[in-house]
Protein backbone atom coordinates (compact mmCIF):
# COMPACT_ATOMS: atom_id res chain seq x y z
CA UNK A 1 175.44 -10.94 -98.23
CA UNK A 2 172.40 -9.07 -99.52
CA UNK A 3 174.60 -6.35 -100.99
CA UNK A 4 176.71 -8.96 -102.79
CA UNK A 5 173.61 -10.58 -104.28
CA UNK A 6 172.35 -7.23 -105.56
CA UNK A 7 175.65 -6.49 -107.27
CA UNK A 8 175.71 -9.88 -108.98
CA UNK A 9 172.15 -9.42 -110.23
CA UNK A 10 172.98 -5.99 -111.61
CA UNK A 11 176.10 -7.14 -113.40
CA UNK A 12 174.76 -10.43 -114.77
CA UNK A 13 172.76 -8.92 -117.67
CA UNK A 14 175.88 -7.14 -118.91
CA UNK A 15 177.98 -10.31 -118.74
CA UNK A 16 175.32 -12.33 -120.52
CA UNK A 17 174.92 -9.72 -123.23
CA UNK A 18 178.66 -9.34 -123.74
CA UNK A 19 179.23 -13.07 -124.29
CA UNK A 20 176.60 -13.54 -127.00
CA UNK A 21 177.99 -14.69 -130.33
CA UNK A 22 177.41 -12.25 -133.18
CA UNK A 23 177.78 -12.88 -136.92
CA UNK A 24 179.46 -9.88 -138.60
CA UNK A 25 179.59 -9.68 -142.40
CA UNK A 26 180.20 -7.08 -145.07
CA UNK A 27 182.37 -5.88 -147.93
CA UNK A 28 185.83 -4.29 -147.92
CA UNK A 29 186.76 -1.98 -150.81
CA UNK A 30 189.19 0.80 -151.66
CA UNK A 31 186.26 3.06 -152.44
CA UNK A 32 185.92 1.85 -156.02
CA UNK A 33 186.87 -1.82 -156.26
CA UNK A 34 186.53 -4.82 -153.93
CA UNK A 35 189.66 -5.85 -152.03
CA UNK A 36 190.45 -9.57 -152.02
CA UNK A 37 192.38 -11.29 -149.20
CA UNK A 38 191.92 -8.51 -146.65
CA UNK A 39 192.82 -9.98 -143.26
CA UNK A 40 189.88 -9.48 -140.88
CA UNK A 41 190.71 -10.76 -137.41
CA UNK A 42 189.96 -10.35 -133.70
CA UNK A 43 192.58 -8.33 -131.85
CA UNK A 44 194.88 -10.34 -129.55
CA UNK A 45 193.64 -13.67 -130.92
CA UNK A 46 194.23 -16.15 -133.75
CA UNK A 47 190.60 -15.95 -134.89
CA UNK A 48 190.07 -14.33 -138.27
CA UNK A 49 189.21 -14.68 -141.94
CA UNK A 50 190.01 -13.25 -145.39
CA UNK A 51 187.75 -11.45 -147.87
CA UNK A 52 186.86 -13.28 -151.10
CA UNK A 53 187.25 -11.97 -154.65
CA UNK A 54 184.16 -9.80 -154.14
CA UNK A 55 185.59 -8.26 -150.97
CA UNK A 56 183.05 -10.16 -148.84
CA UNK A 57 183.77 -11.57 -145.37
CA UNK A 58 181.95 -13.27 -142.49
CA UNK A 59 183.20 -13.71 -138.94
CA UNK A 60 181.68 -14.88 -135.65
CA UNK A 61 182.63 -12.58 -132.77
CA UNK A 62 181.62 -11.51 -129.25
CA UNK A 63 180.26 -8.10 -128.27
CA UNK A 64 183.44 -7.04 -126.45
CA UNK A 65 185.81 -8.07 -129.28
CA UNK A 66 187.81 -5.62 -131.38
CA UNK A 67 188.13 -6.22 -135.14
CA UNK A 68 191.19 -5.30 -137.21
CA UNK A 69 191.04 -4.92 -141.01
CA UNK A 70 194.53 -5.26 -142.51
CA UNK A 71 195.73 -5.15 -146.13
CA UNK A 72 199.17 -4.46 -147.57
CA UNK A 73 199.49 -0.89 -148.82
CA UNK A 74 196.36 0.25 -146.97
CA UNK A 75 195.89 1.88 -143.57
CA UNK A 76 194.60 -0.75 -141.12
CA UNK A 77 191.32 0.01 -139.35
CA UNK A 78 190.30 -0.97 -135.82
CA UNK A 79 186.58 -1.26 -135.01
CA UNK A 80 184.92 -2.22 -131.73
CA UNK A 81 182.19 -4.81 -132.29
CA UNK A 82 179.84 -2.99 -129.92
CA UNK A 83 180.16 0.11 -132.12
CA UNK A 84 179.18 -1.50 -135.43
CA UNK A 85 176.15 -3.21 -136.97
CA UNK A 86 176.03 -6.85 -138.04
CA UNK A 87 176.43 -5.75 -141.65
CA UNK A 88 179.62 -3.72 -141.63
CA UNK A 89 181.28 -2.43 -144.80
CA UNK A 90 184.76 -0.90 -144.71
CA UNK A 91 186.75 1.38 -147.03
CA UNK A 92 190.54 1.07 -146.63
CA UNK A 93 192.58 4.15 -147.56
CA UNK A 94 196.12 4.23 -149.03
CA UNK A 95 198.99 3.93 -146.58
CA UNK A 96 201.41 6.85 -146.24
CA UNK A 97 205.06 6.00 -145.61
CA UNK A 98 207.63 8.48 -144.34
CA UNK A 99 211.32 7.66 -144.84
CA UNK A 100 214.15 10.00 -143.90
CA UNK A 101 211.92 13.04 -144.13
CA UNK A 102 210.52 12.06 -147.53
CA UNK A 103 206.76 11.61 -147.62
CA UNK A 104 205.28 9.18 -150.14
CA UNK A 105 202.06 10.80 -151.29
CA UNK A 106 199.18 9.82 -153.53
CA UNK A 107 198.64 12.23 -156.44
CA UNK A 108 200.97 14.66 -154.63
CA UNK A 109 198.54 15.00 -151.69
CA UNK A 110 199.03 13.76 -148.15
CA UNK A 111 196.28 11.72 -146.49
CA UNK A 112 195.39 14.04 -143.61
CA UNK A 113 193.92 13.35 -140.20
CA UNK A 114 190.25 13.97 -139.43
CA UNK A 115 191.28 16.90 -137.22
CA UNK A 116 193.19 18.50 -140.11
CA UNK A 117 190.27 17.97 -142.51
CA UNK A 118 187.85 19.45 -139.97
CA UNK A 119 189.99 22.58 -139.63
CA UNK A 120 190.47 22.91 -143.42
CA UNK A 121 186.80 22.39 -144.36
CA UNK A 122 185.93 26.08 -144.81
CA UNK A 123 189.04 26.98 -146.78
CA UNK A 124 189.34 23.94 -149.07
CA UNK A 125 186.46 23.00 -151.33
CA UNK A 126 187.50 19.36 -151.87
CA UNK A 127 186.39 18.26 -148.39
CA UNK A 128 182.91 17.00 -147.53
CA UNK A 129 181.42 15.88 -144.21
CA UNK A 130 179.66 12.52 -144.27
CA UNK A 131 177.80 10.57 -141.61
CA UNK A 132 180.93 8.55 -140.86
CA UNK A 133 183.93 10.79 -141.49
CA UNK A 134 185.28 13.79 -143.37
CA UNK A 135 186.38 12.87 -146.89
CA UNK A 136 189.05 14.50 -149.03
CA UNK A 137 188.22 14.22 -152.73
CA UNK A 138 191.90 14.21 -153.69
CA UNK A 139 192.64 10.98 -151.83
CA UNK A 140 189.20 9.36 -151.65
CA UNK A 141 190.09 6.71 -154.23
CA UNK A 142 186.99 7.25 -156.38
CA UNK A 143 185.52 9.86 -158.71
CA UNK A 144 183.60 11.94 -156.19
CA UNK A 145 182.29 15.28 -157.47
CA UNK A 146 181.85 18.28 -155.17
CA UNK A 147 179.99 21.54 -155.75
CA UNK A 148 179.82 24.65 -153.55
CA UNK A 149 176.65 26.26 -152.24
CA UNK A 150 177.62 29.42 -154.13
CA UNK A 151 176.98 27.50 -157.37
CA UNK A 152 173.36 26.76 -156.41
CA UNK A 153 170.74 28.70 -158.32
CA UNK A 154 168.23 29.58 -155.61
CA UNK A 155 165.58 30.06 -158.27
CA UNK A 156 165.85 26.41 -159.31
CA UNK A 157 162.74 25.51 -157.34
CA UNK A 158 163.82 22.42 -155.42
CA UNK A 159 166.73 20.12 -154.66
CA UNK A 160 166.14 17.81 -157.66
CA UNK A 161 166.47 20.72 -160.07
CA UNK A 162 169.63 21.87 -158.27
CA UNK A 163 171.27 18.45 -158.52
CA UNK A 164 170.29 18.11 -162.18
CA UNK A 165 171.88 21.48 -162.97
CA UNK A 166 175.07 20.92 -160.96
CA UNK A 167 176.06 17.36 -161.84
CA UNK A 168 176.49 15.38 -165.05
CA UNK A 169 174.84 11.98 -165.41
CA UNK A 170 171.74 12.95 -163.40
CA UNK A 171 168.45 11.67 -164.83
CA UNK A 172 165.11 12.49 -163.16
CA UNK A 173 162.58 9.72 -163.75
CA UNK A 174 159.50 8.18 -162.21
CA UNK A 175 160.31 5.92 -159.26
CA UNK A 176 160.51 2.34 -160.53
CA UNK A 177 160.59 3.50 -164.17
CA UNK A 178 164.15 4.68 -164.93
CA UNK A 179 163.39 5.24 -168.62
CA UNK A 180 160.31 7.39 -167.98
CA UNK A 181 161.69 10.91 -167.72
CA UNK A 182 159.86 13.49 -165.62
CA UNK A 183 160.32 17.03 -164.32
CA UNK A 184 161.99 18.03 -161.03
CA UNK A 185 158.58 19.22 -159.80
CA UNK A 186 157.05 15.74 -160.04
CA UNK A 187 156.45 14.52 -156.44
CA UNK A 188 157.14 10.95 -157.68
CA UNK A 189 160.38 11.98 -159.33
CA UNK A 190 163.69 10.44 -158.24
CA UNK A 191 167.26 10.60 -159.51
CA UNK A 192 168.98 7.78 -161.37
CA UNK A 193 172.72 8.21 -161.84
CA UNK A 194 174.37 7.03 -165.01
CA UNK A 195 176.69 4.10 -164.27
CA UNK A 196 175.35 3.42 -160.77
CA UNK A 197 173.47 0.32 -159.65
CA UNK A 198 172.56 -2.81 -161.56
CA UNK A 199 172.12 -2.52 -165.33
CA UNK A 200 169.04 -4.76 -165.27
CA UNK A 201 167.60 -3.33 -162.07
CA UNK A 202 168.87 0.24 -161.54
CA UNK A 203 168.28 1.86 -158.17
CA UNK A 204 167.52 5.52 -157.43
CA UNK A 205 170.11 7.62 -155.64
CA UNK A 206 170.00 8.14 -151.88
CA UNK A 207 170.66 11.35 -149.96
CA UNK A 208 172.51 12.32 -146.80
CA UNK A 209 171.66 15.69 -145.25
CA UNK A 210 173.91 16.65 -142.31
CA UNK A 211 174.36 13.01 -141.30
CA UNK A 212 170.74 11.85 -141.80
CA UNK A 213 170.08 9.32 -144.60
CA UNK A 214 167.03 9.64 -146.87
CA UNK A 215 165.86 7.39 -149.69
CA UNK A 216 163.35 9.96 -150.93
CA UNK A 217 164.49 13.32 -152.34
CA UNK A 218 164.91 15.84 -149.48
CA UNK A 219 162.57 18.51 -150.83
CA UNK A 220 162.68 20.16 -147.38
CA UNK A 221 166.24 21.42 -147.89
CA UNK A 222 166.48 25.22 -147.95
CA UNK A 223 168.49 25.97 -151.10
CA UNK A 224 169.95 29.14 -149.56
CA UNK A 225 171.29 27.07 -146.65
CA UNK A 226 173.40 24.68 -148.75
CA UNK A 227 177.11 24.84 -147.98
CA UNK A 228 178.45 21.96 -150.11
CA UNK A 229 177.17 18.96 -152.12
CA UNK A 230 179.05 15.81 -153.13
CA UNK A 231 178.02 13.13 -155.62
CA UNK A 232 179.30 9.67 -154.65
CA UNK A 233 179.19 6.76 -157.15
CA UNK A 234 177.23 3.60 -156.38
CA UNK A 235 180.02 1.23 -155.36
CA UNK A 236 181.65 3.77 -153.08
CA UNK A 237 178.26 4.59 -151.56
CA UNK A 238 177.49 0.92 -150.97
CA UNK A 239 180.85 0.35 -149.28
CA UNK A 240 180.03 3.04 -146.71
CA UNK A 241 176.23 3.02 -146.42
CA UNK A 242 175.18 -0.44 -147.55
CA UNK A 243 172.51 -1.30 -150.10
CA UNK A 244 170.57 1.94 -149.52
CA UNK A 245 173.25 3.74 -151.59
CA UNK A 246 173.69 1.16 -154.36
CA UNK A 247 172.26 3.69 -156.83
CA UNK A 248 174.73 6.36 -155.74
CA UNK A 249 174.50 9.04 -153.09
CA UNK A 250 174.35 12.81 -152.74
CA UNK A 251 175.92 14.21 -149.55
CA UNK A 252 174.47 17.61 -148.67
CA UNK A 253 176.23 19.77 -146.06
CA UNK A 254 174.25 22.79 -144.84
CA UNK A 255 175.56 26.08 -143.51
CA UNK A 256 173.60 25.60 -140.28
CA UNK A 257 175.50 22.40 -139.45
CA UNK A 258 178.92 23.84 -140.29
CA UNK A 259 181.00 24.50 -137.19
CA UNK A 260 184.48 24.11 -138.63
CA UNK A 261 186.67 27.14 -137.94
CA UNK A 262 186.58 30.03 -140.40
CA UNK A 263 189.66 31.57 -141.99
CA UNK A 264 189.59 34.30 -139.35
CA UNK A 265 189.34 31.77 -136.52
CA UNK A 266 192.23 29.73 -137.91
CA UNK A 267 194.31 32.88 -138.22
CA UNK A 268 193.41 33.84 -134.66
CA UNK A 269 194.37 30.37 -133.40
CA UNK A 270 197.75 30.58 -135.14
CA UNK A 271 198.28 34.09 -133.78
CA UNK A 272 197.38 33.03 -130.23
CA UNK A 273 199.73 30.06 -130.43
CA UNK A 274 202.57 32.38 -131.38
CA UNK A 275 201.99 34.68 -128.40
CA UNK A 276 203.13 34.19 -124.85
CA UNK A 277 200.19 35.96 -123.23
CA UNK A 278 196.42 35.68 -123.59
CA UNK A 279 194.93 38.36 -125.84
CA UNK A 280 191.63 36.82 -126.94
CA UNK A 281 188.69 39.14 -127.53
CA UNK A 282 185.80 37.90 -125.41
CA UNK A 283 182.06 38.44 -125.21
CA UNK A 284 179.96 38.32 -122.06
CA UNK A 285 177.20 35.80 -121.36
CA UNK A 286 174.67 38.61 -121.84
CA UNK A 287 175.31 38.24 -125.59
CA UNK A 288 173.66 34.81 -125.38
CA UNK A 289 170.44 36.50 -124.24
CA UNK A 290 170.33 38.48 -127.49
CA UNK A 291 170.60 35.17 -129.36
CA UNK A 292 167.68 33.54 -127.51
CA UNK A 293 164.59 32.36 -129.43
CA UNK A 294 161.47 34.51 -129.08
CA UNK A 295 159.69 32.17 -126.64
CA UNK A 296 162.62 32.35 -124.22
CA UNK A 297 162.78 36.14 -124.37
CA UNK A 298 159.04 36.36 -123.66
CA UNK A 299 159.30 33.90 -120.76
CA UNK A 300 162.04 35.90 -119.05
CA UNK A 301 160.06 39.06 -119.76
CA UNK A 302 156.99 37.71 -117.92
CA UNK A 303 155.89 39.90 -114.99
CA UNK A 304 154.60 37.04 -112.82
CA UNK A 305 154.04 33.29 -112.64
CA UNK A 306 150.61 33.40 -114.28
CA UNK A 307 151.97 35.42 -117.19
CA UNK A 308 154.83 32.92 -117.64
CA UNK A 309 152.41 29.96 -117.71
CA UNK A 310 150.34 31.76 -120.35
CA UNK A 311 153.46 32.33 -122.46
CA UNK A 312 154.39 28.65 -122.15
CA UNK A 313 150.89 27.59 -123.25
CA UNK A 314 151.08 30.02 -126.17
CA UNK A 315 154.24 28.46 -127.60
CA UNK A 316 153.76 24.86 -126.49
CA UNK A 317 151.79 23.72 -129.56
CA UNK A 318 154.16 25.55 -131.91
CA UNK A 319 157.32 24.01 -130.45
CA UNK A 320 155.96 20.73 -129.06
CA UNK A 321 158.24 18.71 -131.36
CA UNK A 322 161.31 20.82 -130.61
CA UNK A 323 163.14 19.02 -127.82
CA UNK A 324 165.12 22.04 -126.68
CA UNK A 325 161.94 24.00 -126.09
CA UNK A 326 161.25 21.61 -123.20
CA UNK A 327 164.76 21.98 -121.73
CA UNK A 328 164.60 25.78 -122.01
CA UNK A 329 161.18 26.00 -120.36
CA UNK A 330 162.12 23.59 -117.55
CA UNK A 331 165.28 25.60 -116.93
CA UNK A 332 163.26 28.84 -116.77
CA UNK A 333 160.64 27.61 -114.29
CA UNK A 334 163.27 25.99 -112.07
CA UNK A 335 165.35 29.16 -112.03
CA UNK A 336 162.45 31.56 -111.55
CA UNK A 337 159.62 29.66 -109.83
CA UNK A 338 161.20 26.56 -108.30
CA UNK A 339 158.73 26.42 -105.39
CA UNK A 340 155.76 26.26 -107.76
CA UNK A 341 156.88 22.87 -109.08
CA UNK A 342 155.48 23.76 -112.51
CA UNK A 343 158.55 22.28 -114.23
CA UNK A 344 157.18 18.82 -113.40
CA UNK A 345 154.04 19.56 -115.41
CA UNK A 346 156.16 20.73 -118.35
CA UNK A 347 158.16 17.49 -118.22
CA UNK A 348 155.03 15.33 -118.03
CA UNK A 349 153.26 17.14 -120.88
CA UNK A 350 156.31 16.90 -123.15
CA UNK A 351 156.79 13.14 -122.85
CA UNK A 352 160.55 13.74 -122.83
CA UNK A 353 161.12 10.85 -120.41
CA UNK A 354 159.66 8.40 -122.94
CA UNK A 355 161.80 9.50 -125.89
CA UNK A 356 164.93 7.59 -124.79
CA UNK A 357 167.17 10.32 -126.19
CA UNK A 358 170.39 10.43 -124.18
CA UNK A 359 171.18 13.99 -125.27
CA UNK A 360 167.83 15.27 -123.98
CA UNK A 361 167.83 13.18 -120.81
CA UNK A 362 171.36 14.26 -119.89
CA UNK A 363 170.37 17.88 -120.47
CA UNK A 364 167.30 17.45 -118.28
CA UNK A 365 169.40 15.74 -115.60
CA UNK A 366 171.99 18.54 -115.57
CA UNK A 367 169.26 21.18 -115.22
CA UNK A 368 167.35 19.36 -112.46
CA UNK A 369 170.57 18.62 -110.58
CA UNK A 370 171.79 22.21 -110.83
CA UNK A 371 168.63 23.67 -109.26
CA UNK A 372 168.41 21.01 -106.56
CA UNK A 373 165.48 18.83 -107.64
CA UNK A 374 167.59 15.85 -106.64
CA UNK A 375 164.80 13.28 -106.59
CA UNK A 376 163.79 14.02 -110.18
CA UNK A 377 167.43 14.23 -111.33
CA UNK A 378 168.22 10.85 -109.78
CA UNK A 379 165.28 9.24 -111.60
CA UNK A 380 166.52 10.69 -114.89
CA UNK A 381 170.08 9.42 -114.38
CA UNK A 382 168.80 5.96 -113.37
CA UNK A 383 166.83 5.93 -116.63
CA UNK A 384 169.92 6.99 -118.59
CA UNK A 385 171.98 4.15 -117.08
CA UNK A 386 169.17 1.69 -117.73
CA UNK A 387 169.00 2.49 -121.44
CA UNK A 388 172.70 3.21 -122.04
CA UNK A 389 174.61 0.75 -119.80
CA UNK A 390 177.59 0.75 -122.18
CA UNK A 391 178.18 4.50 -121.84
CA UNK A 392 180.76 5.21 -119.07
CA UNK A 393 179.28 8.70 -118.69
CA UNK A 394 176.04 7.11 -117.42
CA UNK A 395 177.88 5.69 -114.40
CA UNK A 396 179.54 9.03 -113.69
CA UNK A 397 176.23 10.93 -113.80
CA UNK A 398 174.47 8.62 -111.36
CA UNK A 399 177.43 8.26 -108.97
CA UNK A 400 177.82 12.05 -108.78
CA UNK A 401 174.09 12.40 -108.10
CA UNK A 402 174.32 9.93 -105.21
CA UNK A 403 177.40 11.74 -103.89
CA UNK A 404 175.63 15.10 -104.00
CA UNK A 405 172.67 13.69 -102.03
CA UNK A 406 174.91 12.14 -99.34
CA UNK A 407 174.32 8.58 -100.53
CA UNK A 408 177.99 7.65 -100.58
CA UNK A 409 177.45 3.89 -100.35
CA UNK A 410 175.20 3.92 -103.42
CA UNK A 411 177.74 6.04 -105.27
CA UNK A 412 180.49 3.56 -104.38
CA UNK A 413 178.29 0.71 -105.59
CA UNK A 414 177.84 2.38 -109.00
CA UNK A 415 181.56 3.13 -109.32
CA UNK A 416 182.36 -0.41 -108.21
CA UNK A 417 180.08 -1.82 -110.89
CA UNK A 418 181.75 0.42 -113.48
CA UNK A 419 185.19 -0.76 -112.33
CA UNK A 420 184.24 -4.44 -112.66
CA UNK A 421 182.81 -3.90 -116.15
CA UNK A 422 186.09 -2.24 -117.17
CA UNK A 423 188.08 -5.14 -115.71
CA UNK A 424 185.94 -7.65 -117.61
CA UNK A 425 186.45 -5.60 -120.81
CA UNK A 426 182.71 -5.11 -121.16
CA UNK A 427 183.18 -1.34 -121.03
CA UNK A 428 185.92 0.78 -122.57
CA UNK A 429 187.05 3.71 -120.38
CA UNK A 430 186.78 7.23 -121.78
CA UNK A 431 190.36 8.33 -121.27
CA UNK A 432 190.61 12.12 -120.83
CA UNK A 433 186.90 12.18 -120.05
CA UNK A 434 184.56 10.50 -117.57
CA UNK A 435 187.05 7.78 -116.54
CA UNK A 436 189.55 10.07 -114.84
CA UNK A 437 186.71 11.90 -113.07
CA UNK A 438 185.30 8.59 -111.80
CA UNK A 439 188.74 7.66 -110.47
CA UNK A 440 188.91 10.98 -108.61
CA UNK A 441 185.35 10.62 -107.30
CA UNK A 442 186.11 7.11 -106.04
CA UNK A 443 189.20 8.23 -104.11
CA UNK A 444 187.31 11.16 -102.59
CA UNK A 445 184.35 8.99 -101.58
CA UNK A 446 186.58 6.44 -99.87
CA UNK A 447 188.24 9.21 -97.84
CA UNK A 448 184.87 10.63 -96.81
CA UNK A 449 183.52 7.24 -95.75
CA UNK A 450 186.61 6.63 -93.64
CA UNK A 451 186.36 10.18 -92.30
CA UNK A 452 189.94 10.75 -93.38
CA UNK A 453 191.48 14.21 -93.41
CA UNK A 454 194.26 15.00 -95.85
CA UNK A 455 197.52 16.02 -94.22
CA UNK A 456 198.88 18.83 -96.37
CA UNK A 457 202.42 18.18 -95.20
CA UNK A 458 202.60 14.39 -95.44
CA UNK A 459 200.48 13.89 -98.57
CA UNK A 460 202.43 15.87 -101.12
CA UNK A 461 201.07 13.74 -103.97
CA UNK A 462 197.44 14.55 -103.19
CA UNK A 463 195.65 16.99 -105.49
CA UNK A 464 195.06 20.17 -103.51
CA UNK A 465 193.47 23.41 -104.61
CA UNK A 466 190.41 24.16 -106.73
CA UNK A 467 188.86 21.49 -108.91
CA UNK A 468 186.74 22.57 -111.89
CA UNK A 469 184.55 20.00 -113.64
CA UNK A 470 182.71 20.73 -116.88
CA UNK A 471 179.79 18.58 -118.00
CA UNK A 472 177.59 18.96 -121.06
CA UNK A 473 174.65 17.05 -122.50
CA UNK A 474 175.62 16.68 -126.17
CA UNK A 475 178.43 14.25 -127.05
CA UNK A 476 178.83 15.94 -130.46
CA UNK A 477 179.44 19.42 -129.01
CA UNK A 478 182.86 21.00 -129.49
CA UNK A 479 184.60 23.34 -127.03
CA UNK A 480 187.86 25.18 -126.52
CA UNK A 481 188.15 25.84 -122.78
CA UNK A 482 190.55 28.68 -121.90
CA UNK A 483 192.20 28.80 -118.45
CA UNK A 484 194.01 32.12 -117.92
CA UNK A 485 196.16 32.92 -114.88
CA UNK A 486 196.71 36.43 -113.42
CA UNK A 487 199.86 36.91 -115.54
CA UNK A 488 197.82 36.07 -118.68
CA UNK A 489 199.59 32.79 -119.23
CA UNK A 490 196.99 30.40 -120.57
CA UNK A 491 196.12 26.80 -121.25
CA UNK A 492 193.54 25.70 -123.85
CA UNK A 493 191.80 22.33 -123.64
CA UNK A 494 190.38 21.30 -127.03
CA UNK A 495 187.76 18.55 -127.23
CA UNK A 496 186.86 19.23 -130.87
CA UNK A 497 186.89 16.12 -133.05
CA UNK A 498 190.16 14.41 -132.22
CA UNK A 499 191.00 11.41 -134.38
CA UNK A 500 190.40 9.10 -131.42
CA UNK A 501 186.78 10.29 -131.36
CA UNK A 502 186.04 9.14 -134.91
CA UNK A 503 183.52 6.32 -134.58
CA UNK A 504 181.46 4.28 -137.01
CA UNK A 505 178.27 4.64 -134.98
CA UNK A 506 175.96 7.21 -133.43
CA UNK A 507 176.25 5.49 -130.04
CA UNK A 508 177.06 8.18 -127.45
CA UNK A 509 180.55 7.34 -126.20
CA UNK A 510 182.50 10.52 -126.87
CA UNK A 511 183.44 12.15 -123.56
CA UNK A 512 180.90 14.63 -122.19
CA UNK A 513 182.87 15.80 -119.17
CA UNK A 514 186.30 17.15 -118.24
CA UNK A 515 188.07 18.12 -115.01
CA UNK A 516 190.82 20.69 -114.45
CA UNK A 517 192.76 21.74 -111.34
CA UNK A 518 194.07 25.11 -110.20
CA UNK A 519 196.77 24.06 -107.70
CA UNK A 520 196.87 25.38 -104.15
CA UNK A 521 200.20 27.08 -104.83
CA UNK A 522 198.94 28.75 -108.03
CA UNK A 523 199.66 32.40 -108.65
CA UNK A 524 197.69 34.91 -106.57
CA UNK A 525 195.14 37.09 -108.30
CA UNK A 526 192.29 36.63 -110.75
CA UNK A 527 191.93 33.48 -112.85
CA UNK A 528 189.66 33.64 -115.91
CA UNK A 529 187.82 30.66 -117.37
CA UNK A 530 186.41 31.20 -120.86
CA UNK A 531 185.00 28.97 -123.59
CA UNK A 532 184.88 29.01 -127.37
CA UNK A 533 181.77 27.00 -128.25
CA UNK A 534 182.20 25.27 -131.62
CA UNK A 535 178.62 24.03 -131.95
CA UNK A 536 177.30 20.52 -132.56
CA UNK A 537 176.04 18.45 -135.48
CA UNK A 538 172.43 18.77 -134.33
CA UNK A 539 172.26 22.54 -134.86
CA UNK A 540 170.91 23.04 -131.33
CA UNK A 541 172.16 24.77 -128.19
CA UNK A 542 174.19 22.85 -125.63
CA UNK A 543 173.74 22.96 -121.86
CA UNK A 544 177.05 23.24 -120.00
CA UNK A 545 177.43 22.92 -116.23
CA UNK A 546 180.53 23.99 -114.31
CA UNK A 547 181.18 22.59 -110.83
CA UNK A 548 183.82 24.40 -108.74
CA UNK A 549 185.16 22.60 -105.66
CA UNK A 550 187.33 24.82 -103.46
CA UNK A 551 189.86 23.14 -101.12
CA UNK A 552 189.14 19.92 -102.95
CA UNK A 553 189.57 16.80 -100.82
CA UNK A 554 189.89 18.72 -97.56
CA UNK A 555 187.49 19.04 -94.65
CA UNK A 556 186.93 22.66 -95.71
CA UNK A 557 185.85 21.69 -99.24
CA UNK A 558 183.15 23.99 -100.64
CA UNK A 559 181.13 23.51 -103.83
CA UNK A 560 179.51 25.92 -106.26
CA UNK A 561 177.88 25.31 -109.66
CA UNK A 562 177.04 27.40 -112.72
CA UNK A 563 174.76 26.48 -115.65
CA UNK A 564 175.06 27.88 -119.17
CA UNK A 565 173.00 27.64 -122.34
CA UNK A 566 175.44 27.97 -125.25
CA UNK A 567 174.33 28.77 -128.79
CA UNK A 568 176.79 31.39 -130.13
CA UNK A 569 179.48 29.58 -132.09
CA UNK A 570 183.05 30.58 -132.81
CA UNK A 571 183.42 33.38 -130.24
CA UNK A 572 185.24 33.28 -126.91
CA UNK A 573 182.70 33.73 -124.11
CA UNK A 574 183.48 34.69 -120.53
CA UNK A 575 182.23 32.01 -118.14
CA UNK A 576 183.51 33.00 -114.69
CA UNK A 577 186.51 34.27 -112.77
CA UNK A 578 188.18 32.82 -109.68
CA UNK A 579 190.00 34.88 -107.08
CA UNK A 580 192.65 33.35 -104.84
CA UNK A 581 190.29 34.26 -102.01
CA UNK A 582 188.01 31.54 -103.45
CA UNK A 583 185.41 34.08 -104.53
CA UNK A 584 183.46 33.02 -107.63
CA UNK A 585 182.39 35.91 -109.82
CA UNK A 586 179.99 35.13 -112.67
CA UNK A 587 180.29 36.95 -115.98
CA UNK A 588 176.98 38.33 -117.22
């Protein structure tokens, strides 16, 4: 009875939250003009409304509802209420119809998927990356202008001068005084775009730099690091960003945040797809060491514990605001001086546990779990679930932690809670991600609790062999995992920006885990597991953990883990090899 009461108490806040009524409102446009009579309705219900002649709509919904925006001649959009804000503006794109092999196109160009735009970004100059999606100028529906970083005069001085030189209709004036012209060097200077905003009350332009929105000019931008700039008119900016962009918007993509494939990488991908055997050129993990920041090289070069602590103190004040400095230092002291417990002091001094950053906390949890500080790792994963109860990955992290520490009943309780939230449609499962791993974990836990042994002869449908699970801390990281058998046949799993991952929010729900099986009857010999790290939008390294379970599901099951810090983008790195003798050989 006590256990039942605990479960009800844990679930009740989610149920209460999910049933709260929410008022959603916003504007629907085609990028330039408002769309009247757009049908905005709740999926699988008769509840809905239409936009007025200004494209405006209002609708009362629940947190677990799904909204559909439908208009004849436009591509319908589906948005989860939990993924959007209460003011939600939508841009509907032209619909593409294919009849008998004939494609109806707009201005002779096909509306391409986000995956196709991502791949084409470095070879086509009409594509820009915004906070919400990749946009193709040719089919955007409004007069967006795009300029390349090669056109930037690095001697211009600052970003205002660059924008004034590159784009027509740019006027630099005093903030609040559109008619009072000033120079680009004026710290109070802002940009007013001709034809944007209200005639009586014009608004200054806004700026987006690699997904971050700024109302003040981003003077911090390194002019030599600019990859591409787009100028978006006021109405189009408002439809995507709200009132902050009513005076127009400049979207600035930097080279540092560009992890789309290069021409060479695209050619390599096409070449690999045309071959029957694996011929990728790989680099060893030792190459990552050469790419380390100076503080990490000095730490690993320390002769003793005291020297390492001195090095940490030397760089702490310099990098105290750099989150990955903390993860790197914690990883070092756990790997090198676990018994000293100094990593706890690093964590306390950094305040990382108070930052409520899921990317950092997941990274910290993976590191602590890998080196066996299970008590600290459990506390981190409990905190992650507490602050992100709508992320399925949070349930997977904590359940796996309980499983690893032989707390099977607690693990089952977490998975059971997750299952009930899915059934009540409070959570959406991450298909091809954490959901399938949770299903596997649940089945394995039940067998262990019942002390069941798998009969290899009578249970032909059971998964037997070696199970490999990859987990990483950054939901925006992209990977191409390569699985190569002894005959050099290969399989590539690609998690890089599929269309299904396009979301209108920064809420972390993209899958951050993946499992793969090498069957028991797989070919004898050496299996190679490699990765092509594509980077992330935060321009930071990603921590990747590999868990290898030999004889998975059997009484002889054996587990081994590897932890990697990935920062080199666009090259195939050797992770580890597996022999049929179940010997794990790291690649360094």
